[in-house]
Protein backbone atom coordinates (compact mmCIF):
# COMPACT_ATOMS: atom_id res chain seq x y z
CA MET A 1 22.60 -16.61 -1.62
CA PRO A 2 23.29 -12.87 -2.03
CA ARG A 3 20.23 -10.60 -1.99
CA ILE A 4 20.28 -7.48 -4.10
CA LEU A 5 17.79 -4.63 -4.10
CA VAL A 6 17.52 -2.47 -7.20
CA LEU A 7 15.52 0.49 -5.96
CA TYR A 8 14.59 3.18 -8.45
CA TYR A 9 12.59 6.34 -8.91
CA SER A 10 11.60 7.32 -12.42
CA ARG A 11 9.18 9.89 -13.81
CA THR A 12 9.82 9.46 -17.53
CA GLY A 13 10.72 5.77 -17.59
CA ASN A 14 14.40 6.34 -18.42
CA THR A 15 15.73 5.38 -14.99
CA GLU A 16 13.24 2.50 -14.89
CA LYS A 17 14.78 1.11 -18.11
CA MET A 18 18.19 1.36 -16.49
CA ALA A 19 16.92 -0.41 -13.35
CA SER A 20 15.62 -3.31 -15.43
CA ALA A 21 18.99 -3.66 -17.15
CA VAL A 22 20.88 -3.52 -13.82
CA ALA A 23 18.62 -6.27 -12.45
CA GLU A 24 19.10 -8.35 -15.59
CA GLY A 25 22.87 -8.15 -15.17
CA ALA A 26 22.68 -8.99 -11.47
CA ARG A 27 20.52 -12.04 -12.21
CA SER A 28 23.03 -13.30 -14.79
CA VAL A 29 25.27 -14.44 -11.93
CA ASP A 30 24.31 -17.76 -10.35
CA ASN A 31 22.64 -17.69 -6.95
CA ALA A 32 21.83 -13.97 -6.94
CA GLU A 33 18.37 -13.09 -5.66
CA VAL A 34 17.36 -9.73 -7.12
CA GLU A 35 14.35 -7.58 -6.30
CA VAL A 36 13.43 -4.52 -8.35
CA GLU A 37 11.29 -2.06 -6.42
CA TYR A 38 9.85 1.39 -6.91
CA HIS A 39 9.12 1.62 -3.18
CA VAL A 40 10.50 -0.22 -0.17
CA ASN A 41 9.83 0.00 3.54
CA VAL A 42 12.79 1.43 5.39
CA GLU A 43 13.06 -1.58 7.71
CA ASP A 44 13.46 -3.89 4.70
CA LEU A 45 16.69 -2.23 3.53
CA SER A 46 18.84 -4.18 5.98
CA LYS A 47 17.57 -7.50 4.57
CA PHE A 48 19.69 -7.03 1.45
CA ASP A 49 23.41 -7.56 0.95
CA ALA A 50 23.51 -4.83 -1.70
CA VAL A 51 21.38 -1.80 -2.46
CA VAL A 52 21.61 -0.33 -5.94
CA VAL A 53 19.76 3.00 -6.18
CA GLY A 54 18.50 4.42 -9.45
CA VAL A 55 17.55 8.07 -9.30
CA ALA A 56 16.86 10.74 -11.85
CA THR A 57 18.02 14.27 -11.11
CA TYR A 58 15.32 16.88 -10.70
CA TYR A 59 16.36 20.48 -10.07
CA HIS A 60 19.86 19.49 -8.90
CA GLU A 61 18.45 17.24 -6.19
CA LEU A 62 17.46 13.70 -5.20
CA PRO A 63 13.79 12.87 -5.78
CA ILE A 64 11.89 13.57 -2.56
CA ASP A 65 10.82 9.91 -2.13
CA VAL A 66 14.44 8.74 -2.12
CA LYS A 67 15.53 11.60 0.11
CA ARG A 68 12.79 10.68 2.61
CA LEU A 69 13.80 7.01 2.52
CA PHE A 70 17.40 7.92 3.40
CA GLU A 71 16.21 10.26 6.16
CA GLU A 72 13.90 7.59 7.63
CA ALA A 73 16.66 4.99 7.46
CA SER A 74 18.96 7.35 9.34
CA GLU A 75 16.35 8.22 11.97
CA SER A 76 15.48 4.53 12.43
CA LYS A 77 19.18 3.66 12.66
CA VAL A 78 18.94 1.05 9.89
CA ASN A 79 22.29 -0.75 9.81
CA LEU A 80 23.75 -0.83 6.30
CA LYS A 81 27.39 -0.72 7.37
CA GLY A 82 29.60 -2.86 5.15
CA LYS A 83 26.86 -3.65 2.64
CA THR A 84 27.51 -3.02 -1.05
CA GLY A 85 26.04 0.09 -2.62
CA ALA A 86 25.88 1.48 -6.14
CA ALA A 87 23.94 4.18 -7.96
CA PHE A 88 22.76 5.04 -11.44
CA GLY A 89 20.31 7.37 -13.08
CA SER A 90 19.26 9.56 -15.94
CA TYR A 91 19.33 13.33 -16.10
CA GLY A 92 18.62 16.23 -18.39
CA TRP A 93 21.10 18.86 -17.28
CA THR A 94 23.48 18.05 -14.47
CA GLY A 95 23.10 14.54 -12.99
CA GLU A 96 23.80 15.18 -9.29
CA ALA A 97 21.25 12.76 -7.79
CA PRO A 98 23.16 9.48 -8.33
CA ARG A 99 26.30 11.13 -6.95
CA LEU A 100 24.37 12.36 -3.90
CA ALA A 101 22.93 8.88 -3.35
CA LEU A 102 26.42 7.35 -3.41
CA GLU A 103 27.73 10.01 -1.05
CA ILE A 104 24.93 9.30 1.45
CA MET A 105 25.41 5.52 1.21
CA LYS A 106 29.16 5.87 1.73
CA ASN A 107 29.37 8.62 4.35
CA LYS A 108 26.13 8.27 6.32
CA PHE A 109 25.52 4.52 6.17
CA GLU A 110 29.16 3.38 5.83
CA MET A 111 28.40 1.17 2.87
CA ASN A 112 31.08 -0.12 0.51
CA VAL A 113 30.11 1.77 -2.62
CA MET A 114 31.07 1.13 -6.19
CA GLU A 115 32.40 4.42 -7.49
CA SER A 116 31.33 6.28 -9.72
CA PRO A 117 27.62 6.33 -10.47
CA LEU A 118 26.43 5.24 -13.90
CA LEU A 119 24.79 8.18 -15.67
CA ALA A 120 22.65 8.49 -18.78
CA ARG A 121 21.75 11.81 -20.33
CA TYR A 122 18.06 11.64 -21.19
CA THR A 123 17.08 8.26 -22.67
CA PRO A 124 19.62 5.46 -22.15
CA ASP A 125 20.92 4.04 -25.43
CA GLN A 126 21.87 0.41 -26.00
CA ASN A 127 25.47 1.04 -24.93
CA THR A 128 24.28 2.57 -21.64
CA LEU A 129 21.89 -0.32 -21.03
CA ASN A 130 24.79 -2.73 -21.57
CA MET A 131 26.80 -0.76 -18.99
CA CYS A 132 23.82 -1.10 -16.62
CA ARG A 133 23.85 -4.88 -17.11
CA GLU A 134 27.58 -4.88 -16.40
CA LEU A 135 27.02 -2.86 -13.22
CA GLY A 136 24.45 -5.38 -11.98
CA LYS A 137 26.78 -8.25 -12.80
CA ARG A 138 29.67 -6.58 -10.92
CA VAL A 139 27.48 -6.09 -7.85
CA SER A 140 26.53 -9.79 -7.85
CA GLU A 141 30.11 -10.91 -8.41
CA THR A 142 31.32 -8.66 -5.59
CA LEU A 143 28.87 -10.29 -3.19
CA ILE A 144 29.80 -13.82 -4.28
CA HIS A 145 33.49 -13.09 -3.74
CA LYS A 146 32.71 -11.64 -0.28
CA SER A 147 31.06 -14.85 0.92
């Protein structure tokens, strides 16, 4: 049974709404075990077959909590090589954080990432939430086809 982590950071609730929709889509595929978390211990990352990161962009940067998690995972040599990764998030001006998260997952942790990140400017509308559900479903389907 594929295990998927939907990890998100949200200040306004916009990225949290997106995370819920991603998880809903992932759960729509049989046999997918999905956890939605605001915080996770670095050593738990390797327990998942896929990590989907939801981050809002603040001042052209990743939120500090997510940045620290990636740094700790690197320092602890958490093995994510070959696992599936994806990113999404909301933004007000530029939207770099989800792109940065994907870049780190791909280049630092050697994950198989789903390009490009899913972005929502400000509050996600119904169309964006549907795209989030589709992203979650694609992640689950990718894992099922891998096994």
